[in-house]
Amino acid sequence: MTTPAEAGCADGCCAPTDATTTGTTPHLPSPARRAVLARRVRLLVAATIAYNIVEAVVAISAGTIASSTALIGFGLDSVVEVASAAAVAWQFSAKDHETRERTALRIIALSFFALAAYVTVESTRALLDAHAADHSTVGIVLAAVSLAVMPGLSYAQRGAGRELGSTSAVADSKQTLLCTYLSGVLLVGLVVNSLLGWWWADPIAALTIAAVAVREGTQAWRGDHCC
């Protein structure tokens, strides 16, 4: 029987691989190993959800105080990331998590599209209004911390998802990686705006991230995220 992950990657790119090998030959993990990997994914997803809830509260609060569209958008991105991670948590709460793979991918794809839509609208509005946000020390520190934390979470979940052969876990790890990119964009935008007054740097970079989000969302909807 073909699993959703295998159906989504007919060329075998998302087929389960043995972490101790080069990954060139598909290898189905033992039931015990699959249980370990599924538990690891659940823990990583829980950590992602917890961090992003805190991140959303801090970013939206700081963004409101500084009148920063970028910070508020970053906070809402955290809300989107929580929705994506929650979809994977829901999937892996089932004994046979593969039966929920396609639905989880749909939710992740929609979260990508929602993020892209919001960032595009708010970035365009910021450019048209020539809006310059106030300096935000809290925002700069938050962006720097996220830039340090998110890559590790993304890498760990992608590795577990790849070995397990779960396209949704890999797709959600890319959502986390996109949050890393947004952290970098936010950090550069806030620093450049504070030091040089280049208010347009952040919305321009954010539009690039929106384009990447559309691409990743399309891949998630099709189920063809390569591991």
N, C-alpha and C. Protein backbone atom coordinates (compact mmCIF):
# COMPACT_ATOMS: atom_id res chain seq x y z
N MET A 1 0.84 -1.20 0.00
CA MET A 1 0.00 0.00 0.00
C MET A 1 0.87 1.25 0.00
N THR A 2 0.60 2.20 -0.86
CA THR A 2 1.39 3.42 -0.96
C THR A 2 0.95 4.43 0.08
N THR A 3 1.90 4.92 0.84
CA THR A 3 1.59 5.92 1.86
C THR A 3 1.51 7.28 1.22
N PRO A 4 0.86 8.27 1.87
CA PRO A 4 0.79 9.61 1.35
C PRO A 4 2.16 10.20 1.08
N ALA A 5 3.13 9.91 1.93
CA ALA A 5 4.46 10.46 1.74
C ALA A 5 5.07 9.91 0.47
N GLU A 6 4.89 8.59 0.23
CA GLU A 6 5.45 7.98 -0.96
C GLU A 6 4.73 8.46 -2.21
N ALA A 7 3.41 8.66 -2.09
CA ALA A 7 2.64 9.14 -3.23
C ALA A 7 3.04 10.55 -3.59
N GLY A 8 3.38 11.36 -2.58
CA GLY A 8 3.76 12.74 -2.82
C GLY A 8 5.13 12.89 -3.41
N CYS A 9 5.99 11.87 -3.26
CA CYS A 9 7.35 11.93 -3.79
C CYS A 9 7.62 10.65 -4.53
N ALA A 10 7.11 10.58 -5.73
CA ALA A 10 7.23 9.36 -6.50
C ALA A 10 8.67 9.00 -6.82
N ASP A 11 9.56 10.01 -6.82
CA ASP A 11 10.94 9.72 -7.15
C ASP A 11 11.73 9.20 -5.96
N GLY A 12 11.05 9.03 -4.82
CA GLY A 12 11.70 8.45 -3.65
C GLY A 12 12.42 9.43 -2.77
N CYS A 13 12.33 10.75 -3.09
CA CYS A 13 13.10 11.73 -2.32
C CYS A 13 12.65 11.81 -0.88
N CYS A 14 11.38 11.43 -0.62
CA CYS A 14 10.89 11.48 0.75
C CYS A 14 10.70 10.09 1.33
N ALA A 15 11.22 9.10 0.65
CA ALA A 15 11.11 7.76 1.19
C ALA A 15 11.95 7.65 2.44
N PRO A 16 11.53 6.84 3.41
CA PRO A 16 12.29 6.71 4.64
C PRO A 16 13.72 6.29 4.34
N THR A 17 14.68 6.88 5.04
CA THR A 17 16.07 6.54 4.85
C THR A 17 16.71 6.20 6.17
N ASP A 18 17.74 5.41 6.11
CA ASP A 18 18.48 5.05 7.30
C ASP A 18 19.45 6.16 7.63
N ALA A 19 19.33 6.75 8.83
CA ALA A 19 20.17 7.88 9.20
C ALA A 19 21.63 7.49 9.29
N THR A 20 21.93 6.19 9.36
CA THR A 20 23.31 5.76 9.49
C THR A 20 23.96 5.52 8.14
N THR A 21 23.19 5.68 7.07
CA THR A 21 23.74 5.48 5.74
C THR A 21 23.71 6.78 4.99
N THR A 22 24.07 6.71 3.71
CA THR A 22 24.09 7.92 2.88
C THR A 22 22.70 8.35 2.49
N GLY A 23 21.71 7.48 2.64
CA GLY A 23 20.34 7.84 2.28
C GLY A 23 20.03 7.61 0.82
N THR A 24 20.98 6.97 0.09
CA THR A 24 20.76 6.77 -1.33
C THR A 24 19.80 5.63 -1.60
N THR A 25 19.68 4.71 -0.65
CA THR A 25 18.79 3.57 -0.83
C THR A 25 17.68 3.62 0.19
N PRO A 26 16.41 3.66 -0.26
CA PRO A 26 15.31 3.72 0.70
C PRO A 26 15.38 2.59 1.71
N HIS A 27 15.14 2.89 2.94
CA HIS A 27 15.22 1.89 3.99
C HIS A 27 14.09 2.16 4.97
N LEU A 28 13.26 1.18 5.21
CA LEU A 28 12.12 1.34 6.11
C LEU A 28 12.58 1.11 7.54
N PRO A 29 12.46 2.12 8.41
CA PRO A 29 12.87 1.95 9.81
C PRO A 29 12.03 0.87 10.49
N SER A 30 12.60 0.25 11.49
CA SER A 30 11.87 -0.77 12.25
C SER A 30 10.72 -0.10 13.01
N PRO A 31 9.72 -0.88 13.41
CA PRO A 31 8.60 -0.29 14.19
C PRO A 31 9.08 0.44 15.43
N ALA A 32 10.08 -0.10 16.11
CA ALA A 32 10.59 0.56 17.32
C ALA A 32 11.24 1.90 16.97
N ARG A 33 12.00 1.91 15.88
CA ARG A 33 12.65 3.15 15.45
C ARG A 33 11.61 4.17 15.01
N ARG A 34 10.58 3.73 14.31
CA ARG A 34 9.52 4.63 13.87
C ARG A 34 8.80 5.26 15.07
N ALA A 35 8.63 4.47 16.13
CA ALA A 35 7.99 5.00 17.33
C ALA A 35 8.86 6.08 17.97
N VAL A 36 10.18 5.85 17.97
CA VAL A 36 11.11 6.83 18.52
C VAL A 36 11.07 8.12 17.70
N LEU A 37 11.06 7.97 16.37
CA LEU A 37 11.05 9.14 15.49
C LEU A 37 9.74 9.92 15.63
N ALA A 38 8.63 9.20 15.72
CA ALA A 38 7.33 9.87 15.88
C ALA A 38 7.28 10.64 17.18
N ARG A 39 7.83 10.04 18.25
CA ARG A 39 7.87 10.73 19.54
C ARG A 39 8.76 11.97 19.46
N ARG A 40 9.87 11.86 18.73
CA ARG A 40 10.78 13.00 18.57
C ARG A 40 10.09 14.13 17.83
N VAL A 41 9.34 13.78 16.79
CA VAL A 41 8.62 14.81 16.04
C VAL A 41 7.61 15.51 16.94
N ARG A 42 6.89 14.74 17.76
CA ARG A 42 5.90 15.34 18.66
C ARG A 42 6.56 16.30 19.64
N LEU A 43 7.72 15.92 20.19
CA LEU A 43 8.43 16.79 21.13
C LEU A 43 8.92 18.07 20.46
N LEU A 44 9.45 17.93 19.24
CA LEU A 44 9.94 19.10 18.52
C LEU A 44 8.79 20.04 18.15
N VAL A 45 7.67 19.45 17.77
CA VAL A 45 6.49 20.25 17.45
C VAL A 45 5.99 20.98 18.70
N ALA A 46 5.98 20.30 19.84
CA ALA A 46 5.55 20.92 21.08
C ALA A 46 6.46 22.09 21.44
N ALA A 47 7.77 21.91 21.27
CA ALA A 47 8.73 22.97 21.55
C ALA A 47 8.51 24.16 20.61
N THR A 48 8.22 23.86 19.35
CA THR A 48 7.98 24.91 18.36
C THR A 48 6.73 25.71 18.71
N ILE A 49 5.67 25.01 19.09
CA ILE A 49 4.42 25.68 19.46
C ILE A 49 4.64 26.58 20.68
N ALA A 50 5.30 26.05 21.71
CA ALA A 50 5.53 26.82 22.94
C ALA A 50 6.34 28.08 22.66
N TYR A 51 7.41 27.92 21.88
CA TYR A 51 8.26 29.08 21.59
C TYR A 51 7.51 30.12 20.78
N ASN A 52 6.75 29.68 19.80
CA ASN A 52 6.06 30.62 18.92
C ASN A 52 4.92 31.35 19.62
N ILE A 53 4.31 30.73 20.62
CA ILE A 53 3.27 31.43 21.40
C ILE A 53 3.91 32.61 22.13
N VAL A 54 5.04 32.35 22.79
CA VAL A 54 5.75 33.42 23.49
C VAL A 54 6.21 34.49 22.50
N GLU A 55 6.75 34.04 21.37
CA GLU A 55 7.25 34.96 20.35
C GLU A 55 6.13 35.85 19.82
N ALA A 56 4.95 35.27 19.59
CA ALA A 56 3.82 36.03 19.06
C ALA A 56 3.39 37.13 20.03
N VAL A 57 3.29 36.78 21.32
CA VAL A 57 2.86 37.75 22.34
C VAL A 57 3.86 38.91 22.42
N VAL A 58 5.15 38.58 22.47
CA VAL A 58 6.19 39.62 22.59
C VAL A 58 6.24 40.48 21.34
N ALA A 59 6.22 39.85 20.16
CA ALA A 59 6.34 40.60 18.91
C ALA A 59 5.15 41.53 18.68
N ILE A 60 3.95 41.04 18.88
CA ILE A 60 2.77 41.87 18.64
C ILE A 60 2.70 43.01 19.65
N SER A 61 3.06 42.74 20.90
CA SER A 61 3.07 43.79 21.92
C SER A 61 4.11 44.86 21.59
N ALA A 62 5.33 44.43 21.27
CA ALA A 62 6.40 45.37 20.94
C ALA A 62 6.09 46.12 19.66
N GLY A 63 5.49 45.43 18.69
CA GLY A 63 5.14 46.06 17.42
C GLY A 63 4.08 47.13 17.58
N THR A 64 3.13 46.87 18.46
CA THR A 64 2.07 47.85 18.73
C THR A 64 2.66 49.10 19.38
N ILE A 65 3.56 48.90 20.33
CA ILE A 65 4.18 50.04 21.02
C ILE A 65 5.03 50.87 20.06
N ALA A 66 5.78 50.19 19.17
CA ALA A 66 6.68 50.89 18.25
C ALA A 66 6.01 51.26 16.92
N SER A 67 4.74 50.92 16.75
CA SER A 67 4.02 51.14 15.49
C SER A 67 4.78 50.50 14.33
N SER A 68 5.28 49.27 14.59
CA SER A 68 6.08 48.55 13.60
C SER A 68 5.25 47.48 12.90
N THR A 69 4.98 47.69 11.62
CA THR A 69 4.24 46.70 10.84
C THR A 69 5.03 45.40 10.75
N ALA A 70 6.36 45.54 10.64
CA ALA A 70 7.21 44.36 10.52
C ALA A 70 7.13 43.49 11.78
N LEU A 71 7.18 44.12 12.93
CA LEU A 71 7.12 43.36 14.18
C LEU A 71 5.76 42.70 14.38
N ILE A 72 4.69 43.43 14.07
CA ILE A 72 3.35 42.85 14.19
C ILE A 72 3.21 41.69 13.21
N GLY A 73 3.70 41.89 11.99
CA GLY A 73 3.65 40.82 11.00
C GLY A 73 4.44 39.61 11.44
N PHE A 74 5.58 39.84 12.08
CA PHE A 74 6.40 38.75 12.59
C PHE A 74 5.64 37.98 13.67
N GLY A 75 4.92 38.72 14.52
CA GLY A 75 4.13 38.07 15.55
C GLY A 75 3.01 37.22 14.96
N LEU A 76 2.37 37.74 13.91
CA LEU A 76 1.30 36.96 13.27
C LEU A 76 1.87 35.75 12.53
N ASP A 77 3.10 35.90 12.03
CA ASP A 77 3.77 34.74 11.43
C ASP A 77 3.94 33.64 12.47
N SER A 78 4.22 34.04 13.71
CA SER A 78 4.36 33.05 14.78
C SER A 78 3.03 32.33 15.01
N VAL A 79 1.92 33.06 14.89
CA VAL A 79 0.60 32.44 15.02
C VAL A 79 0.39 31.41 13.91
N VAL A 80 0.82 31.78 12.69
CA VAL A 80 0.71 30.86 11.55
C VAL A 80 1.57 29.62 11.79
N GLU A 81 2.76 29.83 12.32
CA GLU A 81 3.65 28.71 12.62
C GLU A 81 3.05 27.78 13.66
N VAL A 82 2.35 28.34 14.63
CA VAL A 82 1.66 27.52 15.63
C VAL A 82 0.60 26.66 14.96
N ALA A 83 -0.15 27.25 14.02
CA ALA A 83 -1.19 26.49 13.31
C ALA A 83 -0.57 25.34 12.52
N SER A 84 0.56 25.61 11.86
CA SER A 84 1.24 24.58 11.09
C SER A 84 1.74 23.46 11.98
N ALA A 85 2.40 23.84 13.09
CA ALA A 85 2.92 22.84 14.01
C ALA A 85 1.79 22.05 14.67
N ALA A 86 0.69 22.73 14.96
CA ALA A 86 -0.46 22.05 15.56
C ALA A 86 -1.03 20.99 14.62
N ALA A 87 -0.98 21.27 13.32
CA ALA A 87 -1.46 20.30 12.34
C ALA A 87 -0.62 19.03 12.38
N VAL A 88 0.69 19.20 12.52
CA VAL A 88 1.57 18.04 12.59
C VAL A 88 1.38 17.32 13.93
N ALA A 89 1.18 18.09 15.01
CA ALA A 89 0.92 17.48 16.31
C ALA A 89 -0.36 16.65 16.26
N TRP A 90 -1.39 17.18 15.61
CA TRP A 90 -2.65 16.44 15.44
C TRP A 90 -2.42 15.17 14.64
N GLN A 91 -1.63 15.27 13.59
CA GLN A 91 -1.35 14.10 12.75
C GLN A 91 -0.67 13.00 13.55
N PHE A 92 0.36 13.39 14.32
CA PHE A 92 1.15 12.39 15.03
C PHE A 92 0.51 11.95 16.35
N SER A 93 -0.64 12.51 16.67
CA SER A 93 -1.37 12.03 17.84
C SER A 93 -2.13 10.74 17.52
N ALA A 94 -2.27 10.45 16.23
CA ALA A 94 -2.94 9.23 15.80
C ALA A 94 -1.96 8.06 15.82
N LYS A 95 -2.46 6.88 16.10
CA LYS A 95 -1.61 5.69 16.12
C LYS A 95 -1.02 5.45 14.75
N ASP A 96 -1.84 5.57 13.71
CA ASP A 96 -1.37 5.45 12.33
C ASP A 96 -1.35 6.87 11.74
N HIS A 97 -0.25 7.59 11.99
CA HIS A 97 -0.19 9.00 11.60
C HIS A 97 -0.22 9.23 10.10
N GLU A 98 0.13 8.20 9.31
CA GLU A 98 0.17 8.37 7.85
C GLU A 98 -1.22 8.63 7.26
N THR A 99 -2.27 8.17 7.97
CA THR A 99 -3.62 8.37 7.45
C THR A 99 -4.03 9.85 7.50
N ARG A 100 -3.35 10.65 8.31
CA ARG A 100 -3.66 12.07 8.43
C ARG A 100 -2.68 12.96 7.67
N GLU A 101 -1.77 12.34 6.94
CA GLU A 101 -0.71 13.09 6.26
C GLU A 101 -1.25 14.15 5.31
N ARG A 102 -2.16 13.76 4.44
CA ARG A 102 -2.64 14.68 3.41
C ARG A 102 -3.38 15.88 4.02
N THR A 103 -4.20 15.62 5.03
CA THR A 103 -4.92 16.73 5.68
C THR A 103 -3.95 17.69 6.35
N ALA A 104 -2.93 17.14 7.02
CA ALA A 104 -1.92 17.99 7.66
C ALA A 104 -1.19 18.85 6.63
N LEU A 105 -0.89 18.27 5.49
CA LEU A 105 -0.21 19.03 4.43
C LEU A 105 -1.09 20.17 3.92
N ARG A 106 -2.39 19.93 3.82
CA ARG A 106 -3.31 20.98 3.37
C ARG A 106 -3.30 22.15 4.36
N ILE A 107 -3.32 21.83 5.65
CA ILE A 107 -3.32 22.88 6.68
C ILE A 107 -2.01 23.67 6.62
N ILE A 108 -0.89 22.96 6.47
CA ILE A 108 0.41 23.63 6.37
C ILE A 108 0.45 24.54 5.15
N ALA A 109 -0.06 24.05 4.01
CA ALA A 109 -0.07 24.85 2.79
C ALA A 109 -0.89 26.12 2.98
N LEU A 110 -2.06 26.00 3.59
CA LEU A 110 -2.91 27.16 3.83
C LEU A 110 -2.23 28.16 4.76
N SER A 111 -1.45 27.65 5.73
CA SER A 111 -0.74 28.55 6.65
C SER A 111 0.34 29.33 5.89
N PHE A 112 1.00 28.68 4.95
CA PHE A 112 1.97 29.37 4.10
C PHE A 112 1.29 30.48 3.30
N PHE A 113 0.16 30.16 2.69
CA PHE A 113 -0.56 31.13 1.86
C PHE A 113 -1.06 32.31 2.69
N ALA A 114 -1.55 32.01 3.90
CA ALA A 114 -2.02 33.09 4.79
C ALA A 114 -0.87 34.01 5.15
N LEU A 115 0.27 33.43 5.44
CA LEU A 115 1.44 34.24 5.78
C LEU A 115 1.86 35.11 4.60
N ALA A 116 1.90 34.52 3.41
CA ALA A 116 2.29 35.27 2.22
C ALA A 116 1.33 36.41 1.94
N ALA A 117 0.04 36.16 2.11
CA ALA A 117 -0.97 37.19 1.85
C ALA A 117 -0.80 38.36 2.82
N TYR A 118 -0.64 38.04 4.10
CA TYR A 118 -0.52 39.11 5.09
C TYR A 118 0.75 39.93 4.86
N VAL A 119 1.87 39.25 4.68
CA VAL A 119 3.14 39.96 4.48
C VAL A 119 3.08 40.84 3.24
N THR A 120 2.47 40.34 2.16
CA THR A 120 2.37 41.12 0.93
C THR A 120 1.54 42.38 1.14
N VAL A 121 0.37 42.22 1.77
CA VAL A 121 -0.51 43.37 1.99
C VAL A 121 0.15 44.41 2.89
N GLU A 122 0.70 43.97 4.01
CA GLU A 122 1.28 44.90 4.97
C GLU A 122 2.56 45.54 4.44
N SER A 123 3.35 44.79 3.70
CA SER A 123 4.58 45.36 3.12
C SER A 123 4.24 46.40 2.06
N THR A 124 3.25 46.10 1.24
CA THR A 124 2.83 47.06 0.22
C THR A 124 2.28 48.33 0.87
N ARG A 125 1.50 48.15 1.91
CA ARG A 125 0.94 49.30 2.63
C ARG A 125 2.06 50.15 3.24
N ALA A 126 3.07 49.48 3.81
CA ALA A 126 4.19 50.21 4.42
C ALA A 126 4.96 51.01 3.37
N LEU A 127 5.11 50.43 2.18
CA LEU A 127 5.82 51.12 1.10
C LEU A 127 5.03 52.33 0.60
N LEU A 128 3.73 52.14 0.43
CA LEU A 128 2.89 53.24 -0.07
C LEU A 128 2.77 54.38 0.92
N ASP A 129 2.72 54.03 2.21
CA ASP A 129 2.57 55.06 3.25
C ASP A 129 3.90 55.66 3.68
N ALA A 130 5.00 55.06 3.21
CA ALA A 130 6.34 55.50 3.63
C ALA A 130 6.43 55.52 5.15
N HIS A 131 5.92 54.45 5.75
CA HIS A 131 5.82 54.38 7.20
C HIS A 131 7.14 53.93 7.82
N ALA A 132 7.66 54.71 8.73
CA ALA A 132 8.89 54.36 9.46
C ALA A 132 8.53 54.04 10.90
N ALA A 133 8.92 52.85 11.33
CA ALA A 133 8.61 52.44 12.71
C ALA A 133 9.59 53.07 13.69
N ASP A 134 9.16 53.15 14.95
CA ASP A 134 10.05 53.63 16.00
C ASP A 134 11.08 52.55 16.34
N HIS A 135 12.15 52.96 16.99
CA HIS A 135 13.17 52.01 17.44
C HIS A 135 12.56 51.06 18.46
N SER A 136 12.92 49.77 18.38
CA SER A 136 12.41 48.79 19.33
C SER A 136 13.55 47.86 19.75
N THR A 137 14.07 48.08 20.93
CA THR A 137 15.12 47.21 21.47
C THR A 137 14.60 45.80 21.68
N VAL A 138 13.37 45.71 22.19
CA VAL A 138 12.75 44.39 22.43
C VAL A 138 12.63 43.63 21.11
N GLY A 139 12.22 44.31 20.05
CA GLY A 139 12.08 43.68 18.75
C GLY A 139 13.41 43.17 18.21
N ILE A 140 14.46 43.95 18.37
CA ILE A 140 15.79 43.55 17.89
C ILE A 140 16.29 42.32 18.65
N VAL A 141 16.12 42.31 19.97
CA VAL A 141 16.54 41.17 20.77
C VAL A 141 15.74 39.92 20.41
N LEU A 142 14.42 40.08 20.24
CA LEU A 142 13.56 38.95 19.88
C LEU A 142 13.97 38.36 18.53
N ALA A 143 14.23 39.22 17.55
CA ALA A 143 14.63 38.75 16.22
C ALA A 143 15.96 37.99 16.30
N ALA A 144 16.90 38.49 17.09
CA ALA A 144 18.20 37.85 17.23
C ALA A 144 18.07 36.48 17.90
N VAL A 145 17.24 36.39 18.94
CA VAL A 145 17.04 35.12 19.64
C VAL A 145 16.38 34.10 18.70
N SER A 146 15.37 34.54 17.96
CA SER A 146 14.68 33.64 17.02
C SER A 146 15.62 33.16 15.93
N LEU A 147 16.50 34.05 15.49
CA LEU A 147 17.47 33.69 14.46
C LEU A 147 18.43 32.61 14.95
N ALA A 148 18.64 32.57 16.25
CA ALA A 148 19.53 31.55 16.83
C ALA A 148 18.80 30.25 17.14
N VAL A 149 17.52 30.34 17.53
CA VAL A 149 16.76 29.16 17.98
C VAL A 149 16.13 28.38 16.82
N MET A 150 15.52 29.08 15.88
CA MET A 150 14.72 28.42 14.85
C MET A 150 15.48 27.45 13.94
N PRO A 151 16.71 27.77 13.50
CA PRO A 151 17.41 26.82 12.63
C PRO A 151 17.59 25.44 13.26
N GLY A 152 17.88 25.41 14.57
CA GLY A 152 18.06 24.13 15.25
C GLY A 152 16.79 23.31 15.28
N LEU A 153 15.66 23.96 15.57
CA LEU A 153 14.38 23.25 15.58
C LEU A 153 14.04 22.73 14.19
N SER A 154 14.27 23.56 13.18
CA SER A 154 13.97 23.16 11.81
C SER A 154 14.82 21.98 11.37
N TYR A 155 16.12 22.04 11.66
CA TYR A 155 17.05 20.98 11.26
C TYR A 155 16.69 19.66 11.92
N ALA A 156 16.40 19.71 13.22
CA ALA A 156 16.09 18.49 13.96
C ALA A 156 14.80 17.85 13.45
N GLN A 157 13.77 18.67 13.21
CA GLN A 157 12.51 18.11 12.73
C GLN A 157 12.64 17.59 11.30
N ARG A 158 13.39 18.29 10.47
CA ARG A 158 13.58 17.84 9.10
C ARG A 158 14.29 16.49 9.07
N GLY A 159 15.30 16.33 9.95
CA GLY A 159 16.02 15.06 10.00
C GLY A 159 15.13 13.91 10.43
N ALA A 160 14.32 14.15 11.46
CA ALA A 160 13.42 13.11 11.94
C ALA A 160 12.35 12.80 10.89
N GLY A 161 11.82 13.85 10.26
CA GLY A 161 10.80 13.64 9.23
C GLY A 161 11.33 12.90 8.02
N ARG A 162 12.57 13.21 7.66
CA ARG A 162 13.18 12.55 6.51
C ARG A 162 13.36 11.06 6.78
N GLU A 163 13.91 10.74 7.95
CA GLU A 163 14.14 9.33 8.26
C GLU A 163 12.82 8.56 8.38
N LEU A 164 11.80 9.27 8.89
CA LEU A 164 10.50 8.64 9.06
C LEU A 164 9.74 8.55 7.75
N GLY A 165 10.10 9.41 6.78
CA GLY A 165 9.39 9.44 5.51
C GLY A 165 8.11 10.24 5.57
N SER A 166 8.06 11.24 6.49
CA SER A 166 6.86 12.06 6.66
C SER A 166 7.00 13.39 5.92
N THR A 167 6.23 13.55 4.85
CA THR A 167 6.27 14.78 4.08
C THR A 167 5.77 15.96 4.90
N SER A 168 4.77 15.74 5.75
CA SER A 168 4.21 16.84 6.53
C SER A 168 5.21 17.35 7.56
N ALA A 169 5.97 16.44 8.19
CA ALA A 169 6.98 16.87 9.16
C ALA A 169 8.05 17.70 8.48
N VAL A 170 8.44 17.29 7.26
CA VAL A 170 9.43 18.05 6.50
C VAL A 170 8.86 19.40 6.09
N ALA A 171 7.59 19.41 5.66
CA ALA A 171 6.95 20.67 5.26
C ALA A 171 6.87 21.64 6.43
N ASP A 172 6.54 21.13 7.61
CA ASP A 172 6.46 21.99 8.79
C ASP A 172 7.84 22.51 9.18
N SER A 173 8.88 21.69 8.97
CA SER A 173 10.24 22.15 9.26
C SER A 173 10.62 23.30 8.34
N LYS A 174 10.07 23.29 7.13
CA LYS A 174 10.34 24.40 6.20
C LYS A 174 9.58 25.65 6.64
N GLN A 175 8.42 25.47 7.25
CA GLN A 175 7.70 26.60 7.81
C GLN A 175 8.54 27.24 8.92
N THR A 176 9.16 26.41 9.74
CA THR A 176 10.03 26.91 10.80
C THR A 176 11.26 27.61 10.21
N LEU A 177 11.79 27.03 9.12
CA LEU A 177 12.94 27.64 8.46
C LEU A 177 12.57 29.00 7.87
N LEU A 178 11.35 29.10 7.34
CA LEU A 178 10.89 30.37 6.81
C LEU A 178 10.81 31.41 7.94
N CYS A 179 10.43 30.97 9.12
CA CYS A 179 10.41 31.86 10.27
C CYS A 179 11.82 32.36 10.57
N THR A 180 12.82 31.51 10.33
CA THR A 180 14.21 31.92 10.50
C THR A 180 14.55 33.05 9.53
N TYR A 181 14.14 32.88 8.27
CA TYR A 181 14.39 33.93 7.27
C TYR A 181 13.72 35.24 7.68
N LEU A 182 12.49 35.12 8.15
CA LEU A 182 11.76 36.32 8.59
C LEU A 182 12.46 36.97 9.78
N SER A 183 13.04 36.15 10.66
CA SER A 183 13.79 36.70 11.79
C SER A 183 14.97 37.53 11.30
N GLY A 184 15.66 37.00 10.29
CA GLY A 184 16.79 37.73 9.72
C GLY A 184 16.34 39.01 9.04
N VAL A 185 15.24 38.93 8.30
CA VAL A 185 14.70 40.10 7.63
C VAL A 185 14.29 41.15 8.66
N LEU A 186 13.60 40.71 9.71
CA LEU A 186 13.15 41.62 10.76
C LEU A 186 14.34 42.28 11.45
N LEU A 187 15.35 41.48 11.77
CA LEU A 187 16.52 42.02 12.46
C LEU A 187 17.22 43.08 11.62
N VAL A 188 17.45 42.76 10.34
CA VAL A 188 18.10 43.73 9.46
C VAL A 188 17.24 44.98 9.30
N GLY A 189 15.94 44.77 9.11
CA GLY A 189 15.04 45.91 8.92
C GLY A 189 15.00 46.83 10.12
N LEU A 190 14.91 46.25 11.32
CA LEU A 190 14.84 47.06 12.54
C LEU A 190 16.16 47.80 12.79
N VAL A 191 17.28 47.11 12.57
CA VAL A 191 18.59 47.73 12.81
C VAL A 191 18.86 48.83 11.80
N VAL A 192 18.61 48.53 10.51
CA VAL A 192 18.85 49.52 9.46
C VAL A 192 17.94 50.73 9.63
N ASN A 193 16.69 50.48 9.99
CA ASN A 193 15.76 51.58 10.21
C ASN A 193 16.21 52.45 11.39
N SER A 194 16.69 51.80 12.45
CA SER A 194 17.13 52.54 13.64
C SER A 194 18.41 53.34 13.39
N LEU A 195 19.36 52.73 12.67
CA LEU A 195 20.67 53.36 12.48
C LEU A 195 20.73 54.30 11.28
N LEU A 196 20.08 53.91 10.18
CA LEU A 196 20.21 54.68 8.94
C LEU A 196 18.91 55.33 8.48
N GLY A 197 17.80 54.94 9.09
CA GLY A 197 16.54 55.53 8.66
C GLY A 197 16.03 54.98 7.34
N TRP A 198 16.55 53.82 6.92
CA TRP A 198 16.09 53.20 5.66
C TRP A 198 14.80 52.42 5.92
N TRP A 199 13.69 53.09 5.99
CA TRP A 199 12.42 52.48 6.35
C TRP A 199 11.94 51.47 5.33
N TRP A 200 12.39 51.58 4.08
CA TRP A 200 11.89 50.73 2.99
C TRP A 200 12.59 49.37 2.93
N ALA A 201 13.70 49.19 3.66
CA ALA A 201 14.47 47.94 3.56
C ALA A 201 13.67 46.73 4.02
N ASP A 202 12.97 46.88 5.12
CA ASP A 202 12.23 45.74 5.67
C ASP A 202 11.06 45.29 4.78
N PRO A 203 10.18 46.21 4.32
CA PRO A 203 9.08 45.73 3.46
C PRO A 203 9.54 45.12 2.15
N ILE A 204 10.64 45.63 1.58
CA ILE A 204 11.16 45.05 0.33
C ILE A 204 11.63 43.61 0.57
N ALA A 205 12.39 43.40 1.63
CA ALA A 205 12.87 42.05 1.93
C ALA A 205 11.70 41.13 2.29
N ALA A 206 10.71 41.68 2.99
CA ALA A 206 9.55 40.88 3.38
C ALA A 206 8.76 40.38 2.17
N LEU A 207 8.71 41.19 1.12
CA LEU A 207 8.02 40.77 -0.11
C LEU A 207 8.73 39.57 -0.74
N THR A 208 10.04 39.53 -0.62
CA THR A 208 10.79 38.38 -1.13
C THR A 208 10.44 37.12 -0.34
N ILE A 209 10.33 37.27 0.98
CA ILE A 209 9.94 36.15 1.82
C ILE A 209 8.53 35.66 1.46
N ALA A 210 7.64 36.59 1.14
CA ALA A 210 6.27 36.22 0.76
C ALA A 210 6.28 35.35 -0.49
N ALA A 211 7.16 35.68 -1.44
CA ALA A 211 7.25 34.88 -2.66
C ALA A 211 7.73 33.46 -2.35
N VAL A 212 8.67 33.35 -1.42
CA VAL A 212 9.15 32.03 -1.01
C VAL A 212 8.04 31.25 -0.31
N ALA A 213 7.24 31.95 0.49
CA ALA A 213 6.13 31.30 1.19
C ALA A 213 5.11 30.72 0.22
N VAL A 214 4.83 31.44 -0.87
CA VAL A 214 3.91 30.94 -1.88
C VAL A 214 4.45 29.66 -2.51
N ARG A 215 5.76 29.66 -2.81
CA ARG A 215 6.38 28.47 -3.41
C ARG A 215 6.29 27.28 -2.46
N GLU A 216 6.62 27.50 -1.18
CA GLU A 216 6.59 26.41 -0.21
C GLU A 216 5.16 25.93 0.02
N GLY A 217 4.21 26.86 0.02
CA GLY A 217 2.82 26.49 0.20
C GLY A 217 2.31 25.63 -0.94
N THR A 218 2.73 25.99 -2.15
CA THR A 218 2.34 25.21 -3.33
C THR A 218 2.89 23.80 -3.26
N GLN A 219 4.15 23.67 -2.83
CA GLN A 219 4.75 22.36 -2.70
C GLN A 219 4.05 21.53 -1.63
N ALA A 220 3.70 22.16 -0.52
CA ALA A 220 3.01 21.45 0.55
C ALA A 220 1.64 20.97 0.08
N TRP A 221 0.92 21.83 -0.67
CA TRP A 221 -0.41 21.46 -1.16
C TRP A 221 -0.32 20.27 -2.11
N ARG A 222 0.72 20.24 -2.92
CA ARG A 222 0.91 19.11 -3.85
C ARG A 222 1.49 17.89 -3.18
N GLY A 223 2.07 18.10 -1.98
CA GLY A 223 2.68 16.98 -1.28
C GLY A 223 4.01 16.57 -1.85
N ASP A 224 4.74 17.52 -2.47
CA ASP A 224 6.00 17.14 -3.11
C ASP A 224 7.20 17.82 -2.45
N HIS A 225 7.13 18.05 -1.13
CA HIS A 225 8.29 18.55 -0.41
C HIS A 225 9.35 17.46 -0.37
N CYS A 226 10.48 17.71 -1.00
CA CYS A 226 11.56 16.72 -0.94
C CYS A 226 12.24 16.77 0.41
N CYS A 227 12.59 15.61 0.90
CA CYS A 227 13.19 15.54 2.24
C CYS A 227 14.64 15.91 2.23
